[in-house]
Amino acid sequence: MRAKSLIAILSLGLVLFAGRAVAQMTTAQPVTPQTAKVQVLKFKGLVISATSIAMTLSSQQNPKMIQTFSYSPQVRQQMANVIQKGGYQHGDKVTVDYAAGTTVALRIHGKPSKTS
């Protein structure tokens, strides 16, 4: 008798839990997060050093503030072309577009000075 009541209790428990598990299932579409737009910032500076790997600038507003930027693949190709023609020289004015929180140049504006 005791074994039959134990089996009955376990069976009742399985039925109750199975019912709850079925009730929690949903057929709604999954929620996809919206992609956050990348905030692009500008750094206006004077060239201290510009190589095929990175560019170091001092801020035009505060000369003691120095920032070094590596290049995105598009800018790396652009810089290779600029370096073949003489490159940026110390003191050239440039503006670098970069994503907030990074030091990767997405775009570089400014003309390299003529080499002598």
PDB file of N, CA and C in Angstrom:
ATOM      1  N   MET A   1       0.816  -1.183   0.000  1.00  0.00           N
ATOM      2  CA  MET A   1       0.000   0.000   0.000  1.00  0.00           C
ATOM      3  C   MET A   1       0.869   1.260   0.000  1.00  0.00           C
ATOM      4  N   ARG A   2       1.910   1.208   0.762  1.00  0.00           N
ATOM      5  CA  ARG A   2       2.776   2.373   0.877  1.00  0.00           C
ATOM      6  C   ARG A   2       3.458   2.665  -0.457  1.00  0.00           C
ATOM      7  N   ALA A   3       3.878   1.674  -1.204  1.00  0.00           N
ATOM      8  CA  ALA A   3       4.531   1.846  -2.493  1.00  0.00           C
ATOM      9  C   ALA A   3       3.562   2.438  -3.502  1.00  0.00           C
ATOM     10  N   LYS A   4       2.282   2.044  -3.444  1.00  0.00           N
ATOM     11  CA  LYS A   4       1.288   2.586  -4.368  1.00  0.00           C
ATOM     12  C   LYS A   4       1.044   4.064  -4.097  1.00  0.00           C
ATOM     13  N   SER A   5       1.012   4.459  -2.833  1.00  0.00           N
ATOM     14  CA  SER A   5       0.789   5.875  -2.510  1.00  0.00           C
ATOM     15  C   SER A   5       2.012   6.715  -2.909  1.00  0.00           C
ATOM     16  N   LEU A   6       3.205   6.168  -2.764  1.00  0.00           N
ATOM     17  CA  LEU A   6       4.424   6.872  -3.173  1.00  0.00           C
ATOM     18  C   LEU A   6       4.445   7.069  -4.681  1.00  0.00           C
ATOM     19  N   ILE A   7       4.059   6.051  -5.432  1.00  0.00           N
ATOM     20  CA  ILE A   7       3.992   6.158  -6.885  1.00  0.00           C
ATOM     21  C   ILE A   7       2.934   7.169  -7.295  1.00  0.00           C
ATOM     22  N   ALA A   8       1.817   7.182  -6.602  1.00  0.00           N
ATOM     23  CA  ALA A   8       0.738   8.135  -6.901  1.00  0.00           C
ATOM     24  C   ALA A   8       1.197   9.564  -6.652  1.00  0.00           C
ATOM     25  N   ILE A   9       1.921   9.796  -5.581  1.00  0.00           N
ATOM     26  CA  ILE A   9       2.417  11.143  -5.262  1.00  0.00           C
ATOM     27  C   ILE A   9       3.438  11.587  -6.302  1.00  0.00           C
ATOM     28  N   LEU A  10       4.346  10.695  -6.685  1.00  0.00           N
ATOM     29  CA  LEU A  10       5.341  11.032  -7.697  1.00  0.00           C
ATOM     30  C   LEU A  10       4.688  11.310  -9.051  1.00  0.00           C
ATOM     31  N   SER A  11       3.693  10.512  -9.385  1.00  0.00           N
ATOM     32  CA  SER A  11       2.975  10.726 -10.645  1.00  0.00           C
ATOM     33  C   SER A  11       2.270  12.069 -10.647  1.00  0.00           C
ATOM     34  N   LEU A  12       1.636  12.409  -9.528  1.00  0.00           N
ATOM     35  CA  LEU A  12       0.947  13.695  -9.409  1.00  0.00           C
ATOM     36  C   LEU A  12       1.948  14.847  -9.529  1.00  0.00           C
ATOM     37  N   GLY A  13       3.112  14.686  -8.915  1.00  0.00           N
ATOM     38  CA  GLY A  13       4.155  15.718  -9.008  1.00  0.00           C
ATOM     39  C   GLY A  13       4.633  15.909 -10.434  1.00  0.00           C
ATOM     40  N   LEU A  14       4.830  14.807 -11.149  1.00  0.00           N
ATOM     41  CA  LEU A  14       5.258  14.909 -12.543  1.00  0.00           C
ATOM     42  C   LEU A  14       4.214  15.604 -13.397  1.00  0.00           C
ATOM     43  N   VAL A  15       2.961  15.300 -13.164  1.00  0.00           N
ATOM     44  CA  VAL A  15       1.882  15.927 -13.929  1.00  0.00           C
ATOM     45  C   VAL A  15       1.858  17.425 -13.660  1.00  0.00           C
ATOM     46  N   LEU A  16       2.011  17.825 -12.410  1.00  0.00           N
ATOM     47  CA  LEU A  16       1.973  19.251 -12.069  1.00  0.00           C
ATOM     48  C   LEU A  16       3.164  19.999 -12.665  1.00  0.00           C
ATOM     49  N   PHE A  17       4.369  19.429 -12.547  1.00  0.00           N
ATOM     50  CA  PHE A  17       5.542  20.095 -13.086  1.00  0.00           C
ATOM     51  C   PHE A  17       5.528  20.119 -14.604  1.00  0.00           C
ATOM     52  N   ALA A  18       5.063  19.061 -15.217  1.00  0.00           N
ATOM     53  CA  ALA A  18       4.982  19.022 -16.675  1.00  0.00           C
ATOM     54  C   ALA A  18       4.002  20.068 -17.178  1.00  0.00           C
ATOM     55  N   GLY A  19       2.909  20.244 -16.460  1.00  0.00           N
ATOM     56  CA  GLY A  19       1.928  21.267 -16.829  1.00  0.00           C
ATOM     57  C   GLY A  19       2.522  22.662 -16.757  1.00  0.00           C
ATOM     58  N   ARG A  20       3.332  22.923 -15.757  1.00  0.00           N
ATOM     59  CA  ARG A  20       3.959  24.238 -15.628  1.00  0.00           C
ATOM     60  C   ARG A  20       4.997  24.462 -16.716  1.00  0.00           C
ATOM     61  N   ALA A  21       5.732  23.443 -17.064  1.00  0.00           N
ATOM     62  CA  ALA A  21       6.748  23.578 -18.107  1.00  0.00           C
ATOM     63  C   ALA A  21       6.092  23.883 -19.445  1.00  0.00           C
ATOM     64  N   VAL A  22       4.975  23.250 -19.730  1.00  0.00           N
ATOM     65  CA  VAL A  22       4.269  23.522 -20.980  1.00  0.00           C
ATOM     66  C   VAL A  22       3.719  24.933 -20.972  1.00  0.00           C
ATOM     67  N   ALA A  23       3.240  25.391 -19.820  1.00  0.00           N
ATOM     68  CA  ALA A  23       2.661  26.728 -19.728  1.00  0.00           C
ATOM     69  C   ALA A  23       3.715  27.807 -19.945  1.00  0.00           C
ATOM     70  N   GLN A  24       4.992  27.519 -19.723  1.00  0.00           N
ATOM     71  CA  GLN A  24       6.037  28.515 -19.869  1.00  0.00           C
ATOM     72  C   GLN A  24       6.572  28.608 -21.287  1.00  0.00           C
ATOM     73  N   MET A  25       6.231  27.675 -22.130  1.00  0.00           N
ATOM     74  CA  MET A  25       6.714  27.717 -23.510  1.00  0.00           C
ATOM     75  C   MET A  25       6.013  28.844 -24.247  1.00  0.00           C
ATOM     76  N   THR A  26       6.742  29.486 -25.156  1.00  0.00           N
ATOM     77  CA  THR A  26       6.180  30.596 -25.917  1.00  0.00           C
ATOM     78  C   THR A  26       6.529  30.429 -27.388  1.00  0.00           C
ATOM     79  N   THR A  27       5.708  30.986 -28.216  1.00  0.00           N
ATOM     80  CA  THR A  27       5.970  30.943 -29.651  1.00  0.00           C
ATOM     81  C   THR A  27       6.280  32.329 -30.195  1.00  0.00           C
ATOM     82  N   ALA A  28       6.507  33.286 -29.304  1.00  0.00           N
ATOM     83  CA  ALA A  28       6.814  34.652 -29.728  1.00  0.00           C
ATOM     84  C   ALA A  28       8.194  34.700 -30.386  1.00  0.00           C
ATOM     85  N   GLN A  29       8.372  35.677 -31.259  1.00  0.00           N
ATOM     86  CA  GLN A  29       9.658  35.874 -31.927  1.00  0.00           C
ATOM     87  C   GLN A  29      10.692  36.353 -30.906  1.00  0.00           C
ATOM     88  N   PRO A  30      11.936  35.928 -31.038  1.00  0.00           N
ATOM     89  CA  PRO A  30      12.961  36.395 -30.106  1.00  0.00           C
ATOM     90  C   PRO A  30      13.208  37.887 -30.282  1.00  0.00           C
ATOM     91  N   VAL A  31      13.546  38.529 -29.189  1.00  0.00           N
ATOM     92  CA  VAL A  31      13.836  39.958 -29.207  1.00  0.00           C
ATOM     93  C   VAL A  31      15.289  40.144 -29.617  1.00  0.00           C
ATOM     94  N   THR A  32      15.520  40.924 -30.664  1.00  0.00           N
ATOM     95  CA  THR A  32      16.881  41.208 -31.100  1.00  0.00           C
ATOM     96  C   THR A  32      17.259  42.608 -30.651  1.00  0.00           C
ATOM     97  N   PRO A  33      18.414  42.762 -30.048  1.00  0.00           N
ATOM     98  CA  PRO A  33      18.817  44.086 -29.583  1.00  0.00           C
ATOM     99  C   PRO A  33      19.134  45.000 -30.767  1.00  0.00           C
ATOM    100  N   GLN A  34      18.847  46.271 -30.595  1.00  0.00           N
ATOM    101  CA  GLN A  34      19.184  47.233 -31.636  1.00  0.00           C
ATOM    102  C   GLN A  34      20.677  47.506 -31.567  1.00  0.00           C
ATOM    103  N   THR A  35      21.278  47.620 -32.725  1.00  0.00           N
ATOM    104  CA  THR A  35      22.702  47.909 -32.736  1.00  0.00           C
ATOM    105  C   THR A  35      22.909  49.379 -32.382  1.00  0.00           C
ATOM    106  N   ALA A  36      23.801  49.601 -31.474  1.00  0.00           N
ATOM    107  CA  ALA A  36      24.080  50.968 -31.041  1.00  0.00           C
ATOM    108  C   ALA A  36      24.895  51.687 -32.114  1.00  0.00           C
ATOM    109  N   LYS A  37      24.543  52.924 -32.362  1.00  0.00           N
ATOM    110  CA  LYS A  37      25.305  53.699 -33.331  1.00  0.00           C
ATOM    111  C   LYS A  37      26.616  54.123 -32.687  1.00  0.00           C
ATOM    112  N   VAL A  38      27.667  54.006 -33.445  1.00  0.00           N
ATOM    113  CA  VAL A  38      28.989  54.376 -32.954  1.00  0.00           C
ATOM    114  C   VAL A  38      29.120  55.888 -33.013  1.00  0.00           C
ATOM    115  N   GLN A  39      29.495  56.473 -31.894  1.00  0.00           N
ATOM    116  CA  GLN A  39      29.689  57.921 -31.851  1.00  0.00           C
ATOM    117  C   GLN A  39      31.081  58.225 -32.401  1.00  0.00           C
ATOM    118  N   VAL A  40      31.118  59.014 -33.463  1.00  0.00           N
ATOM    119  CA  VAL A  40      32.388  59.378 -34.085  1.00  0.00           C
ATOM    120  C   VAL A  40      32.813  60.743 -33.550  1.00  0.00           C
ATOM    121  N   LEU A  41      34.016  60.794 -33.005  1.00  0.00           N
ATOM    122  CA  LEU A  41      34.581  62.026 -32.455  1.00  0.00           C
ATOM    123  C   LEU A  41      35.676  62.539 -33.373  1.00  0.00           C
ATOM    124  N   LYS A  42      36.002  63.816 -33.223  1.00  0.00           N
ATOM    125  CA  LYS A  42      37.063  64.436 -34.026  1.00  0.00           C
ATOM    126  C   LYS A  42      38.169  64.932 -33.099  1.00  0.00           C
ATOM    127  N   PHE A  43      39.396  64.727 -33.532  1.00  0.00           N
ATOM    128  CA  PHE A  43      40.557  65.238 -32.801  1.00  0.00           C
ATOM    129  C   PHE A  43      41.335  66.119 -33.760  1.00  0.00           C
ATOM    130  N   LYS A  44      41.375  67.430 -33.454  1.00  0.00           N
ATOM    131  CA  LYS A  44      42.132  68.368 -34.285  1.00  0.00           C
ATOM    132  C   LYS A  44      43.496  68.549 -33.651  1.00  0.00           C
ATOM    133  N   GLY A  45      44.536  68.293 -34.447  1.00  0.00           N
ATOM    134  CA  GLY A  45      45.863  68.371 -33.876  1.00  0.00           C
ATOM    135  C   GLY A  45      46.942  68.686 -34.878  1.00  0.00           C
ATOM    136  N   LEU A  46      48.137  68.804 -34.341  1.00  0.00           N
ATOM    137  CA  LEU A  46      49.344  69.026 -35.126  1.00  0.00           C
ATOM    138  C   LEU A  46      50.164  67.750 -35.102  1.00  0.00           C
ATOM    139  N   VAL A  47      50.677  67.373 -36.261  1.00  0.00           N
ATOM    140  CA  VAL A  47      51.425  66.119 -36.378  1.00  0.00           C
ATOM    141  C   VAL A  47      52.741  66.214 -35.616  1.00  0.00           C
ATOM    142  N   ILE A  48      52.981  65.229 -34.769  1.00  0.00           N
ATOM    143  CA  ILE A  48      54.282  65.069 -34.134  1.00  0.00           C
ATOM    144  C   ILE A  48      55.058  64.013 -34.909  1.00  0.00           C
ATOM    145  N   SER A  49      54.362  62.909 -35.219  1.00  0.00           N
ATOM    146  CA  SER A  49      54.979  61.816 -35.965  1.00  0.00           C
ATOM    147  C   SER A  49      53.891  61.098 -36.743  1.00  0.00           C
ATOM    148  N   ALA A  50      54.211  60.712 -37.978  1.00  0.00           N
ATOM    149  CA  ALA A  50      53.264  59.957 -38.803  1.00  0.00           C
ATOM    150  C   ALA A  50      54.040  58.869 -39.542  1.00  0.00           C
ATOM    151  N   THR A  51      53.704  57.629 -39.228  1.00  0.00           N
ATOM    152  CA  THR A  51      54.343  56.488 -39.881  1.00  0.00           C
ATOM    153  C   THR A  51      53.258  55.632 -40.538  1.00  0.00           C
ATOM    154  N   SER A  52      53.675  54.521 -41.128  1.00  0.00           N
ATOM    155  CA  SER A  52      52.701  53.628 -41.750  1.00  0.00           C
ATOM    156  C   SER A  52      51.927  52.828 -40.709  1.00  0.00           C
ATOM    157  N   ILE A  53      52.341  52.908 -39.443  1.00  0.00           N
ATOM    158  CA  ILE A  53      51.688  52.156 -38.361  1.00  0.00           C
ATOM    159  C   ILE A  53      50.766  53.047 -37.535  1.00  0.00           C
ATOM    160  N   ALA A  54      51.193  54.254 -37.211  1.00  0.00           N
ATOM    161  CA  ALA A  54      50.422  55.116 -36.318  1.00  0.00           C
ATOM    162  C   ALA A  54      50.781  56.585 -36.542  1.00  0.00           C
ATOM    163  N   MET A  55      49.902  57.443 -36.026  1.00  0.00           N
ATOM    164  CA  MET A  55      50.116  58.885 -36.114  1.00  0.00           C
ATOM    165  C   MET A  55      49.971  59.470 -34.710  1.00  0.00           C
ATOM    166  N   THR A  56      50.933  60.285 -34.313  1.00  0.00           N
ATOM    167  CA  THR A  56      50.896  60.937 -33.015  1.00  0.00           C
ATOM    168  C   THR A  56      50.654  62.421 -33.234  1.00  0.00           C
ATOM    169  N   LEU A  57      49.658  62.959 -32.514  1.00  0.00           N
ATOM    170  CA  LEU A  57      49.269  64.360 -32.659  1.00  0.00           C
ATOM    171  C   LEU A  57      49.257  65.045 -31.311  1.00  0.00           C
ATOM    172  N   SER A  58      49.510  66.357 -31.332  1.00  0.00           N
ATOM    173  CA  SER A  58      49.264  67.170 -30.144  1.00  0.00           C
ATOM    174  C   SER A  58      48.042  68.027 -30.455  1.00  0.00           C
ATOM    175  N   SER A  59      47.195  68.211 -29.459  1.00  0.00           N
ATOM    176  CA  SER A  59      45.945  68.941 -29.648  1.00  0.00           C
ATOM    177  C   SER A  59      46.219  70.396 -30.023  1.00  0.00           C
ATOM    178  N   GLN A  60      45.387  70.955 -30.893  1.00  0.00           N
ATOM    179  CA  GLN A  60      45.528  72.359 -31.263  1.00  0.00           C
ATOM    180  C   GLN A  60      45.102  73.262 -30.107  1.00  0.00           C
ATOM    181  N   GLN A  61      44.138  72.814 -29.291  1.00  0.00           N
ATOM    182  CA  GLN A  61      43.665  73.624 -28.165  1.00  0.00           C
ATOM    183  C   GLN A  61      44.594  73.524 -26.959  1.00  0.00           C
ATOM    184  N   ASN A  62      45.185  72.351 -26.734  1.00  0.00           N
ATOM    185  CA  ASN A  62      46.058  72.131 -25.587  1.00  0.00           C
ATOM    186  C   ASN A  62      47.280  71.337 -26.051  1.00  0.00           C
ATOM    187  N   PRO A  63      48.382  72.014 -26.351  1.00  0.00           N
ATOM    188  CA  PRO A  63      49.566  71.336 -26.886  1.00  0.00           C
ATOM    189  C   PRO A  63      50.133  70.243 -25.979  1.00  0.00           C
ATOM    190  N   LYS A  64      49.794  70.252 -24.689  1.00  0.00           N
ATOM    191  CA  LYS A  64      50.290  69.222 -23.780  1.00  0.00           C
ATOM    192  C   LYS A  64      49.500  67.917 -23.905  1.00  0.00           C
ATOM    193  N   MET A  65      48.346  67.986 -24.559  1.00  0.00           N
ATOM    194  CA  MET A  65      47.532  66.789 -24.751  1.00  0.00           C
ATOM    195  C   MET A  65      47.966  66.101 -26.039  1.00  0.00           C
ATOM    196  N   ILE A  66      48.492  64.885 -25.896  1.00  0.00           N
ATOM    197  CA  ILE A  66      49.023  64.138 -27.040  1.00  0.00           C
ATOM    198  C   ILE A  66      48.219  62.853 -27.200  1.00  0.00           C
ATOM    199  N   GLN A  67      47.901  62.526 -28.438  1.00  0.00           N
ATOM    200  CA  GLN A  67      47.114  61.331 -28.747  1.00  0.00           C
ATOM    201  C   GLN A  67      47.769  60.579 -29.900  1.00  0.00           C
ATOM    202  N   THR A  68      47.836  59.263 -29.783  1.00  0.00           N
ATOM    203  CA  THR A  68      48.378  58.421 -30.846  1.00  0.00           C
ATOM    204  C   THR A  68      47.248  57.563 -31.407  1.00  0.00           C
ATOM    205  N   PHE A  69      47.117  57.554 -32.722  1.00  0.00           N
ATOM    206  CA  PHE A  69      46.069  56.796 -33.394  1.00  0.00           C
ATOM    207  C   PHE A  69      46.685  55.739 -34.289  1.00  0.00           C
ATOM    208  N   SER A  70      46.159  54.520 -34.208  1.00  0.00           N
ATOM    209  CA  SER A  70      46.483  53.505 -35.210  1.00  0.00           C
ATOM    210  C   SER A  70      45.463  53.679 -36.337  1.00  0.00           C
ATOM    211  N   TYR A  71      45.581  52.895 -37.389  1.00  0.00           N
ATOM    212  CA  TYR A  71      44.745  53.118 -38.569  1.00  0.00           C
ATOM    213  C   TYR A  71      43.762  51.974 -38.801  1.00  0.00           C
ATOM    214  N   SER A  72      42.572  52.327 -39.269  1.00  0.00           N
ATOM    215  CA  SER A  72      41.647  51.320 -39.766  1.00  0.00           C
ATOM    216  C   SER A  72      42.192  50.844 -41.116  1.00  0.00           C
ATOM    217  N   PRO A  73      41.698  49.733 -41.655  1.00  0.00           N
ATOM    218  CA  PRO A  73      42.229  49.243 -42.940  1.00  0.00           C
ATOM    219  C   PRO A  73      42.130  50.274 -44.077  1.00  0.00           C
ATOM    220  N   GLN A  74      41.042  51.045 -44.133  1.00  0.00           N
ATOM    221  CA  GLN A  74      40.912  52.048 -45.188  1.00  0.00           C
ATOM    222  C   GLN A  74      41.943  53.162 -45.017  1.00  0.00           C
ATOM    223  N   VAL A  75      42.140  53.601 -43.789  1.00  0.00           N
ATOM    224  CA  VAL A  75      43.095  54.681 -43.524  1.00  0.00           C
ATOM    225  C   VAL A  75      44.523  54.179 -43.725  1.00  0.00           C
ATOM    226  N   ARG A  76      44.768  52.914 -43.419  1.00  0.00           N
ATOM    227  CA  ARG A  76      46.117  52.351 -43.615  1.00  0.00           C
ATOM    228  C   ARG A  76      46.517  52.460 -45.088  1.00  0.00           C
ATOM    229  N   GLN A  77      45.583  52.157 -45.992  1.00  0.00           N
ATOM    230  CA  GLN A  77      45.869  52.270 -47.423  1.00  0.00           C
ATOM    231  C   GLN A  77      46.069  53.734 -47.814  1.00  0.00           C
ATOM    232  N   GLN A  78      45.238  54.613 -47.273  1.00  0.00           N
ATOM    233  CA  GLN A  78      45.371  56.050 -47.540  1.00  0.00           C
ATOM    234  C   GLN A  78      46.741  56.552 -47.073  1.00  0.00           C
ATOM    235  N   MET A  79      47.157  56.126 -45.877  1.00  0.00           N
ATOM    236  CA  MET A  79      48.445  56.568 -45.341  1.00  0.00           C
ATOM    237  C   MET A  79      49.608  56.008 -46.160  1.00  0.00           C
ATOM    238  N   ALA A  80      49.476  54.799 -46.678  1.00  0.00           N
ATOM    239  CA  ALA A  80      50.536  54.242 -47.522  1.00  0.00           C
ATOM    240  C   ALA A  80      50.716  55.120 -48.761  1.00  0.00           C
ATOM    241  N   ASN A  81      49.615  55.578 -49.346  1.00  0.00           N
ATOM    242  CA  ASN A  81      49.692  56.463 -50.512  1.00  0.00           C
ATOM    243  C   ASN A  81      50.301  57.815 -50.148  1.00  0.00           C
ATOM    244  N   VAL A  82      49.925  58.358 -48.989  1.00  0.00           N
ATOM    245  CA  VAL A  82      50.462  59.660 -48.553  1.00  0.00           C
ATOM    246  C   VAL A  82      51.950  59.544 -48.269  1.00  0.00           C
ATOM    247  N   ILE A  83      52.371  58.459 -47.640  1.00  0.00           N
ATOM    248  CA  ILE A  83      53.789  58.281 -47.301  1.00  0.00           C
ATOM    249  C   ILE A  83      54.634  58.136 -48.559  1.00  0.00           C
ATOM    250  N   GLN A  84      54.097  57.499 -49.597  1.00  0.00           N
ATOM    251  CA  GLN A  84      54.830  57.387 -50.862  1.00  0.00           C
ATOM    252  C   GLN A  84      55.097  58.755 -51.478  1.00  0.00           C
ATOM    253  N   LYS A  85      54.235  59.717 -51.192  1.00  0.00           N
ATOM    254  CA  LYS A  85      54.404  61.069 -51.747  1.00  0.00           C
ATOM    255  C   LYS A  85      55.146  62.002 -50.789  1.00  0.00           C
ATOM    256  N   GLY A  86      55.650  61.472 -49.677  1.00  0.00           N
ATOM    257  CA  GLY A  86      56.403  62.308 -48.747  1.00  0.00           C
ATOM    258  C   GLY A  86      55.847  62.293 -47.344  1.00  0.00           C
ATOM    259  N   GLY A  87      54.572  61.984 -47.173  1.00  0.00           N
ATOM    260  CA  GLY A  87      53.971  61.853 -45.844  1.00  0.00           C
ATOM    261  C   GLY A  87      53.694  63.165 -45.148  1.00  0.00           C
ATOM    262  N   TYR A  88      53.079  63.057 -43.976  1.00  0.00           N
ATOM    263  CA  TYR A  88      52.827  64.218 -43.130  1.00  0.00           C
ATOM    264  C   TYR A  88      54.116  64.588 -42.414  1.00  0.00           C
ATOM    265  N   GLN A  89      54.339  65.874 -42.279  1.00  0.00           N
ATOM    266  CA  GLN A  89      55.535  66.370 -41.617  1.00  0.00           C
ATOM    267  C   GLN A  89      55.174  66.962 -40.263  1.00  0.00           C
ATOM    268  N   HIS A  90      56.161  67.098 -39.402  1.00  0.00           N
ATOM    269  CA  HIS A  90      55.967  67.680 -38.074  1.00  0.00           C
ATOM    270  C   HIS A  90      55.311  69.055 -38.209  1.00  0.00           C
ATOM    271  N   GLY A  91      54.183  69.250 -37.517  1.00  0.00           N
ATOM    272  CA  GLY A  91      53.501  70.540 -37.526  1.00  0.00           C
ATOM    273  C   GLY A  91      52.335  70.626 -38.492  1.00  0.00           C
ATOM    274  N   ASP A  92      52.128  69.633 -39.354  1.00  0.00           N
ATOM    275  CA  ASP A  92      50.980  69.653 -40.269  1.00  0.00           C
ATOM    276  C   ASP A  92      49.683  69.585 -39.456  1.00  0.00           C
ATOM    277  N   LYS A  93      48.678  70.356 -39.879  1.00  0.00           N
ATOM    278  CA  LYS A  93      47.381  70.343 -39.211  1.00  0.00           C
ATOM    279  C   LYS A  93      46.508  69.252 -39.816  1.00  0.00           C
ATOM    280  N   VAL A  94      45.985  68.382 -38.950  1.00  0.00           N
ATOM    281  CA  VAL A  94      45.091  67.311 -39.397  1.00  0.00           C
ATOM    282  C   VAL A  94      43.928  67.170 -38.420  1.00  0.00           C
ATOM    283  N   THR A  95      42.854  66.574 -38.910  1.00  0.00           N
ATOM    284  CA  THR A  95      41.712  66.214 -38.080  1.00  0.00           C
ATOM    285  C   THR A  95      41.491  64.721 -38.258  1.00  0.00           C
ATOM    286  N   VAL A  96      41.410  64.018 -37.140  1.00  0.00           N
ATOM    287  CA  VAL A  96      41.218  62.572 -37.161  1.00  0.00           C
ATOM    288  C   VAL A  96      39.826  62.249 -36.639  1.00  0.00           C
ATOM    289  N   ASP A  97      39.051  61.494 -37.425  1.00  0.00           N
ATOM    290  CA  ASP A  97      37.763  60.970 -36.974  1.00  0.00           C
ATOM    291  C   ASP A  97      38.029  59.599 -36.374  1.00  0.00           C
ATOM    292  N   TYR A  98      37.491  59.366 -35.152  1.00  0.00           N
ATOM    293  CA  TYR A  98      37.682  58.078 -34.484  1.00  0.00           C
ATOM    294  C   TYR A  98      36.445  57.739 -33.668  1.00  0.00           C
ATOM    295  N   ALA A  99      36.228  56.469 -33.431  1.00  0.00           N
ATOM    296  CA  ALA A  99      35.084  56.015 -32.636  1.00  0.00           C
ATOM    297  C   ALA A  99      35.366  56.281 -31.167  1.00  0.00           C
ATOM    298  N   ALA A 100      34.324  56.711 -30.460  1.00  0.00           N
ATOM    299  CA  ALA A 100      34.469  56.999 -29.028  1.00  0.00           C
ATOM    300  C   ALA A 100      34.963  55.753 -28.298  1.00  0.00           C
ATOM    301  N   GLY A 101      35.936  55.943 -27.422  1.00  0.00           N
ATOM    302  CA  GLY A 101      36.471  54.843 -26.640  1.00  0.00           C
ATOM    303  C   GLY A 101      37.573  54.056 -27.330  1.00  0.00           C
ATOM    304  N   THR A 102      37.965  54.466 -28.523  1.00  0.00           N
ATOM    305  CA  THR A 102      39.037  53.773 -29.236  1.00  0.00           C
ATOM    306  C   THR A 102      40.111  54.773 -29.639  1.00  0.00           C
ATOM    307  N   THR A 103      41.204  54.267 -30.172  1.00  0.00           N
ATOM    308  CA  THR A 103      42.256  55.119 -30.721  1.00  0.00           C
ATOM    309  C   THR A 103      42.561  54.689 -32.146  1.00  0.00           C
ATOM    310  N   VAL A 104      41.540  54.223 -32.856  1.00  0.00           N
ATOM    311  CA  VAL A 104      41.698  53.792 -34.241  1.00  0.00           C
ATOM    312  C   VAL A 104      41.141  54.880 -35.149  1.00  0.00           C
ATOM    313  N   ALA A 105      41.984  55.433 -35.998  1.00  0.00           N
ATOM    314  CA  ALA A 105      41.561  56.491 -36.923  1.00  0.00           C
ATOM    315  C   ALA A 105      40.667  55.900 -37.997  1.00  0.00           C
ATOM    316  N   LEU A 106      39.458  56.448 -38.126  1.00  0.00           N
ATOM    317  CA  LEU A 106      38.527  56.013 -39.159  1.00  0.00           C
ATOM    318  C   LEU A 106      38.678  56.843 -40.423  1.00  0.00           C
ATOM    319  N   ARG A 107      39.154  58.080 -40.254  1.00  0.00           N
ATOM    320  CA  ARG A 107      39.342  58.984 -41.390  1.00  0.00           C
ATOM    321  C   ARG A 107      40.312  60.077 -40.964  1.00  0.00           C
ATOM    322  N   ILE A 108      41.140  60.522 -41.892  1.00  0.00           N
ATOM    323  CA  ILE A 108      42.093  61.600 -41.618  1.00  0.00           C
ATOM    324  C   ILE A 108      41.879  62.682 -42.651  1.00  0.00           C
ATOM    325  N   HIS A 109      41.689  63.921 -42.153  1.00  0.00           N
ATOM    326  CA  HIS A 109      41.519  65.085 -43.010  1.00  0.00           C
ATOM    327  C   HIS A 109      42.749  65.976 -42.837  1.00  0.00           C
ATOM    328  N   GLY A 110      43.201  66.541 -43.902  1.00  0.00           N
ATOM    329  CA  GLY A 110      44.334  67.461 -43.839  1.00  0.00           C
ATOM    330  C   GLY A 110      45.324  67.160 -44.941  1.00  0.00           C
ATOM    331  N   LYS A 111      45.950  68.231 -45.422  1.00  0.00           N
ATOM    332  CA  LYS A 111      46.925  68.078 -46.493  1.00  0.00           C
ATOM    333  C   LYS A 111      48.319  67.953 -45.930  1.00  0.00           C
ATOM    334  N   PRO A 112      49.081  66.998 -46.441  1.00  0.00           N
ATOM    335  CA  PRO A 112      50.483  66.935 -46.037  1.00  0.00           C
ATOM    336  C   PRO A 112      51.248  68.122 -46.640  1.00  0.00           C
ATOM    337  N   SER A 113      52.202  68.638 -45.862  1.00  0.00           N
ATOM    338  CA  SER A 113      52.987  69.757 -46.393  1.00  0.00           C
ATOM    339  C   SER A 113      53.928  69.247 -47.473  1.00  0.00           C
ATOM    340  N   LYS A 114      54.363  70.150 -48.300  1.00  0.00           N
ATOM    341  CA  LYS A 114      55.298  69.800 -49.378  1.00  0.00           C
ATOM    342  C   LYS A 114      56.671  69.522 -48.783  1.00  0.00           C
ATOM    343  N   THR A 115      57.273  68.439 -49.226  1.00  0.00           N
ATOM    344  CA  THR A 115      58.615  68.119 -48.756  1.00  0.00           C
ATOM    345  C   THR A 115      59.633  68.852 -49.643  1.00  0.00           C
ATOM    346  N   SER A 116      60.739  69.224 -49.041  1.00  0.00           N
ATOM    347  CA  SER A 116      61.757  69.965 -49.811  1.00  0.00           C
ATOM    348  C   SER A 116      62.864  69.115 -50.311  1.00  0.00           C
TER     349      SER A 116
END
